[in-house]
C-alpha atoms as a PDB file:
ATOM      1  CA  MET A   1       0.000   0.000   0.000  1.00  0.00           C
ATOM      2  CA  LYS A   2       2.810   2.415   0.916  1.00  0.00           C
ATOM      3  CA  SER A   3       4.650   1.781  -2.377  1.00  0.00           C
ATOM      4  CA  LEU A   4       1.420   2.384  -4.340  1.00  0.00           C
ATOM      5  CA  PHE A   5       0.998   5.748  -2.586  1.00  0.00           C
ATOM      6  CA  VAL A   6       4.604   6.750  -3.413  1.00  0.00           C
ATOM      7  CA  LEU A   7       4.129   5.654  -7.019  1.00  0.00           C
ATOM      8  CA  LEU A   8       0.924   7.707  -7.355  1.00  0.00           C
ATOM      9  CA  LEU A   9       2.603  10.737  -5.758  1.00  0.00           C
ATOM     10  CA  LEU A  10       5.557  10.532  -8.156  1.00  0.00           C
ATOM     11  CA  PHE A  11       3.233  10.128 -11.148  1.00  0.00           C
ATOM     12  CA  THR A  12       1.222  13.187 -10.097  1.00  0.00           C
ATOM     13  CA  LEU A  13       4.308  15.355  -9.578  1.00  0.00           C
ATOM     14  CA  TYR A  14       5.814  14.255 -12.888  1.00  0.00           C
ATOM     15  CA  SER A  15       2.562  14.759 -14.772  1.00  0.00           C
ATOM     16  CA  CYS A  16       2.010  18.294 -13.492  1.00  0.00           C
ATOM     17  CA  SER A  17       5.579  19.361 -14.101  1.00  0.00           C
ATOM     18  CA  LYS A  18       5.732  17.950 -17.611  1.00  0.00           C
ATOM     19  CA  SER A  19       2.376  19.256 -18.784  1.00  0.00           C
ATOM     20  CA  ASN A  20       2.911  22.793 -17.448  1.00  0.00           C
ATOM     21  CA  SER A  21       6.420  23.106 -18.905  1.00  0.00           C
ATOM     22  CA  PHE A  22       5.538  21.487 -22.199  1.00  0.00           C
ATOM     23  CA  GLY A  23       2.525  23.735 -22.705  1.00  0.00           C
ATOM     24  CA  HIS A  24       4.349  27.005 -22.190  1.00  0.00           C
ATOM     25  CA  CYS A  25       7.458  25.924 -24.100  1.00  0.00           C
ATOM     26  CA  THR A  26       5.515  24.898 -27.160  1.00  0.00           C
ATOM     27  CA  ASN A  27       3.913  28.353 -27.331  1.00  0.00           C
ATOM     28  CA  TRP A  28       7.221  30.212 -26.988  1.00  0.00           C
ATOM     29  CA  VAL A  29       9.580  28.109 -29.134  1.00  0.00           C
ATOM     30  CA  GLY A  30      10.879  30.268 -31.976  1.00  0.00           C
ATOM     31  CA  ASP A  31      13.081  33.212 -32.859  1.00  0.00           C
ATOM     32  CA  TYR A  32      12.535  36.790 -31.698  1.00  0.00           C
ATOM     33  CA  SER A  33      14.296  40.076 -32.459  1.00  0.00           C
ATOM     34  CA  TYR A  34      14.354  43.623 -31.170  1.00  0.00           C
ATOM     35  CA  HIS A  35      16.169  46.496 -32.878  1.00  0.00           C
ATOM     36  CA  GLU A  36      16.636  49.631 -30.815  1.00  0.00           C
ATOM     37  CA  LEU A  37      16.225  52.886 -32.722  1.00  0.00           C
ATOM     38  CA  PRO A  38      19.623  54.036 -34.094  1.00  0.00           C
ATOM     39  CA  VAL A  39      21.258  56.934 -32.264  1.00  0.00           C
ATOM     40  CA  PRO A  40      23.444  59.324 -34.304  1.00  0.00           C
ATOM     41  CA  THR A  41      26.939  60.099 -33.033  1.00  0.00           C
ATOM     42  CA  ALA A  42      29.225  63.094 -33.587  1.00  0.00           C
ATOM     43  CA  THR A  43      31.303  61.000 -36.028  1.00  0.00           C
ATOM     44  CA  GLY A  44      28.295  60.363 -38.254  1.00  0.00           C
ATOM     45  CA  ILE A  45      28.122  56.652 -37.442  1.00  0.00           C
ATOM     46  CA  ASN A  46      24.818  55.581 -35.903  1.00  0.00           C
ATOM     47  CA  LYS A  47      24.885  53.570 -32.698  1.00  0.00           C
ATOM     48  CA  ILE A  48      22.795  50.433 -33.137  1.00  0.00           C
ATOM     49  CA  MET A  49      21.729  47.651 -30.794  1.00  0.00           C
ATOM     50  CA  GLU A  50      20.162  44.401 -31.995  1.00  0.00           C
ATOM     51  CA  TRP A  51      18.715  41.769 -29.682  1.00  0.00           C
ATOM     52  CA  GLU A  52      18.030  38.195 -30.797  1.00  0.00           C
ATOM     53  CA  LEU A  53      16.350  35.574 -28.632  1.00  0.00           C
ATOM     54  CA  SER A  54      16.187  32.000 -29.870  1.00  0.00           C
ATOM     55  CA  VAL A  55      13.940  29.754 -27.752  1.00  0.00           C
ATOM     56  CA  SER A  56      13.954  25.960 -27.838  1.00  0.00           C
ATOM     57  CA  GLN A  57      12.648  23.168 -25.673  1.00  0.00           C
ATOM     58  CA  GLN A  58      14.724  20.315 -24.309  1.00  0.00           C
ATOM     59  CA  ASN A  59      12.802  17.798 -22.206  1.00  0.00           C
ATOM     60  CA  ASP A  60      10.916  19.818 -19.554  1.00  0.00           C
ATOM     61  CA  THR A  61      13.006  23.000 -19.900  1.00  0.00           C
ATOM     62  CA  CYS A  62      12.587  26.021 -22.130  1.00  0.00           C
ATOM     63  CA  TRP A  63      16.031  27.404 -23.061  1.00  0.00           C
ATOM     64  CA  GLY A  64      16.823  30.713 -24.694  1.00  0.00           C
ATOM     65  CA  THR A  65      19.983  32.011 -26.292  1.00  0.00           C
ATOM     66  CA  LEU A  66      20.048  35.802 -26.060  1.00  0.00           C
ATOM     67  CA  GLU A  67      22.514  37.731 -28.235  1.00  0.00           C
ATOM     68  CA  ILE A  68      22.892  41.502 -27.934  1.00  0.00           C
ATOM     69  CA  THR A  69      25.020  43.132 -30.629  1.00  0.00           C
ATOM     70  CA  GLY A  70      25.971  46.772 -31.071  1.00  0.00           C
ATOM     71  CA  LEU A  71      28.760  48.986 -32.334  1.00  0.00           C
ATOM     72  CA  THR A  72      31.007  48.106 -29.372  1.00  0.00           C
ATOM     73  CA  THR A  73      28.812  45.533 -27.618  1.00  0.00           C
ATOM     74  CA  TYR A  74      28.540  41.761 -27.865  1.00  0.00           C
ATOM     75  CA  ILE A  75      26.812  39.683 -25.203  1.00  0.00           C
ATOM     76  CA  LYS A  76      25.620  36.093 -25.576  1.00  0.00           C
ATOM     77  CA  LEU A  77      23.724  34.505 -22.694  1.00  0.00           C
ATOM     78  CA  LEU A  78      22.061  31.189 -21.995  1.00  0.00           C
ATOM     79  CA  THR A  79      18.662  31.800 -20.408  1.00  0.00           C
ATOM     80  CA  THR A  80      15.730  29.770 -19.170  1.00  0.00           C
ATOM     81  CA  LEU A  81      12.105  30.721 -19.652  1.00  0.00           C
ATOM     82  CA  SER A  82       9.440  30.067 -17.048  1.00  0.00           C
ATOM     83  CA  GLY A  83       5.804  31.000 -16.948  1.00  0.00           C
ATOM     84  CA  ASP A  84       2.786  29.984 -18.980  1.00  0.00           C
ATOM     85  CA  SER A  85       1.428  30.298 -22.515  1.00  0.00           C
ATOM     86  CA  SER A  86       0.648  34.025 -22.104  1.00  0.00           C
ATOM     87  CA  ARG A  87       3.661  35.280 -20.082  1.00  0.00           C
ATOM     88  CA  VAL A  88       7.239  34.156 -19.423  1.00  0.00           C
ATOM     89  CA  ASP A  89      10.244  35.419 -17.489  1.00  0.00           C
ATOM     90  CA  VAL A  90      13.573  35.258 -19.331  1.00  0.00           C
ATOM     91  CA  THR A  91      16.060  34.358 -16.598  1.00  0.00           C
ATOM     92  CA  TYR A  92      19.859  34.479 -16.724  1.00  0.00           C
ATOM     93  CA  ASN A  93      21.568  31.064 -16.580  1.00  0.00           C
ATOM     94  CA  LYS A  94      25.179  31.604 -17.750  1.00  0.00           C
ATOM     95  CA  TYR A  95      27.466  33.532 -20.111  1.00  0.00           C
ATOM     96  CA  LEU A  96      28.250  32.078 -23.495  1.00  0.00           C
ATOM     97  CA  ASP A  97      30.289  35.114 -24.615  1.00  0.00           C
ATOM     98  CA  GLY A  98      30.881  38.717 -23.566  1.00  0.00           C
ATOM     99  CA  SER A  99      30.773  40.049 -20.040  1.00  0.00           C
ATOM    100  CA  GLN A 100      28.180  41.663 -17.812  1.00  0.00           C
ATOM    101  CA  ASP A 101      27.462  41.402 -14.118  1.00  0.00           C
ATOM    102  CA  PHE A 102      24.458  39.052 -13.872  1.00  0.00           C
ATOM    103  CA  LYS A 103      23.695  36.497 -11.208  1.00  0.00           C
ATOM    104  CA  PRO A 104      22.170  33.094 -12.045  1.00  0.00           C
ATOM    105  CA  GLY A 105      18.413  33.243 -11.520  1.00  0.00           C
ATOM    106  CA  GLU A 106      18.061  36.992 -12.201  1.00  0.00           C
ATOM    107  CA  VAL A 107      15.046  37.843 -14.367  1.00  0.00           C
ATOM    108  CA  LEU A 108      16.388  39.814 -17.339  1.00  0.00           C
ATOM    109  CA  PHE A 109      12.971  40.702 -18.770  1.00  0.00           C
ATOM    110  CA  SER A 110       9.484  39.276 -19.175  1.00  0.00           C
ATOM    111  CA  LEU A 111       7.464  38.731 -22.329  1.00  0.00           C
ATOM    112  CA  SER A 112       3.679  38.645 -22.428  1.00  0.00           C
ATOM    113  CA  LYS A 113       1.174  38.333 -25.232  1.00  0.00           C
ATOM    114  CA  ASP A 114      -1.419  41.028 -25.875  1.00  0.00           C
ATOM    115  CA  GLY A 115      -3.302  39.975 -29.002  1.00  0.00           C
ATOM    116  CA  ASN A 116      -0.719  39.948 -31.794  1.00  0.00           C
ATOM    117  CA  ASN A 117       1.745  42.076 -29.799  1.00  0.00           C
ATOM    118  CA  LEU A 118       4.559  40.944 -27.526  1.00  0.00           C
ATOM    119  CA  ILE A 119       4.930  43.200 -24.509  1.00  0.00           C
ATOM    120  CA  THR A 120       8.390  43.415 -22.953  1.00  0.00           C
ATOM    121  CA  ASP A 121       8.599  44.225 -19.252  1.00  0.00           C
ATOM    122  CA  TRP A 122      12.248  45.143 -18.612  1.00  0.00           C
ATOM    123  CA  LYS A 123      13.846  43.955 -15.381  1.00  0.00           C
ATOM    124  CA  ARG A 124      17.635  43.509 -14.970  1.00  0.00           C
ATOM    125  CA  LEU A 125      18.279  44.165 -18.680  1.00  0.00           C
ATOM    126  CA  GLN A 126      17.000  47.300 -20.410  1.00  0.00           C
ATOM    127  CA  PRO A 127      17.436  48.963 -23.803  1.00  0.00           C
ATOM    128  CA  MET A 128      20.950  50.369 -23.947  1.00  0.00           C
ATOM    129  CA  LEU A 129      20.827  53.309 -26.363  1.00  0.00           C
ATOM    130  CA  VAL A 130      18.215  55.477 -24.625  1.00  0.00           C
ATOM    131  CA  GLU A 131      19.112  57.216 -21.377  1.00  0.00           C
ATOM    132  CA  PHE A 132      15.683  56.700 -19.792  1.00  0.00           C
ATOM    133  CA  PRO A 133      14.003  53.741 -21.538  1.00  0.00           C
ATOM    134  CA  ALA A 134      10.334  52.890 -21.049  1.00  0.00           C
ATOM    135  CA  MET A 135      10.136  49.998 -18.593  1.00  0.00           C
ATOM    136  CA  LYS A 136       7.379  48.277 -20.557  1.00  0.00           C
ATOM    137  CA  GLY A 137       6.399  48.263 -24.222  1.00  0.00           C
ATOM    138  CA  ILE A 138       6.233  46.517 -27.583  1.00  0.00           C
ATOM    139  CA  CYS A 139       9.844  45.662 -28.371  1.00  0.00           C
ATOM    140  CA  PHE A 140      10.402  42.093 -29.595  1.00  0.00           C
ATOM    141  CA  ASP A 141       8.910  40.678 -32.787  1.00  0.00           C
ATOM    142  CA  ARG A 142       8.492  36.989 -33.401  1.00  0.00           C
ATOM    143  CA  LEU A 143      10.482  36.116 -36.514  1.00  0.00           C
ATOM    144  CA  LYS A 144       9.661  32.462 -36.821  1.00  0.00           C
ATOM    145  CA  LYS A 145       7.781  29.847 -34.882  1.00  0.00           C
ATOM    146  CA  ARG A 146       9.652  26.577 -35.105  1.00  0.00           C
ATOM    147  CA  LYS A 147       7.924  23.237 -35.141  1.00  0.00           C
ATOM    148  CA  GLN A 148       8.872  20.686 -32.496  1.00  0.00           C
ATOM    149  CA  ASP A 149      10.552  18.643 -35.297  1.00  0.00           C
ATOM    150  CA  ASP A 150      12.890  21.577 -36.099  1.00  0.00           C
ATOM    151  CA  LEU A 151      14.489  21.527 -32.632  1.00  0.00           C
END
């Protein structure tokens, strides 16, 4: 009887975890981009900043590779996404290239769906070219939704 109870408990925990993660990952798998508005410099060369987020699913985890590229900036981070089908937090996991001062588990920003728009709620990371960026707004565009077979 005791072993049956343990088996049922494990099945329930596994089922909940897998279904919740799988559901939100499937909805977020794909490629996203954000291009900050160019800022002119005194030398005539515009400052640019491009953000690319590539989200994939591996088992029960939603992984994201975030690349931020600018005139003198290059950052590449491994992130995890957690949330549900309408909102996720993009959380720092580790550096792949570049350097910034992030701690594992810090929420970099959140994405939520509002109709056909993706709303970005900036947390630890924020747009870099504007002195006082809006803390929430339509920033990222979904470039491509990948099928599970493409992963």
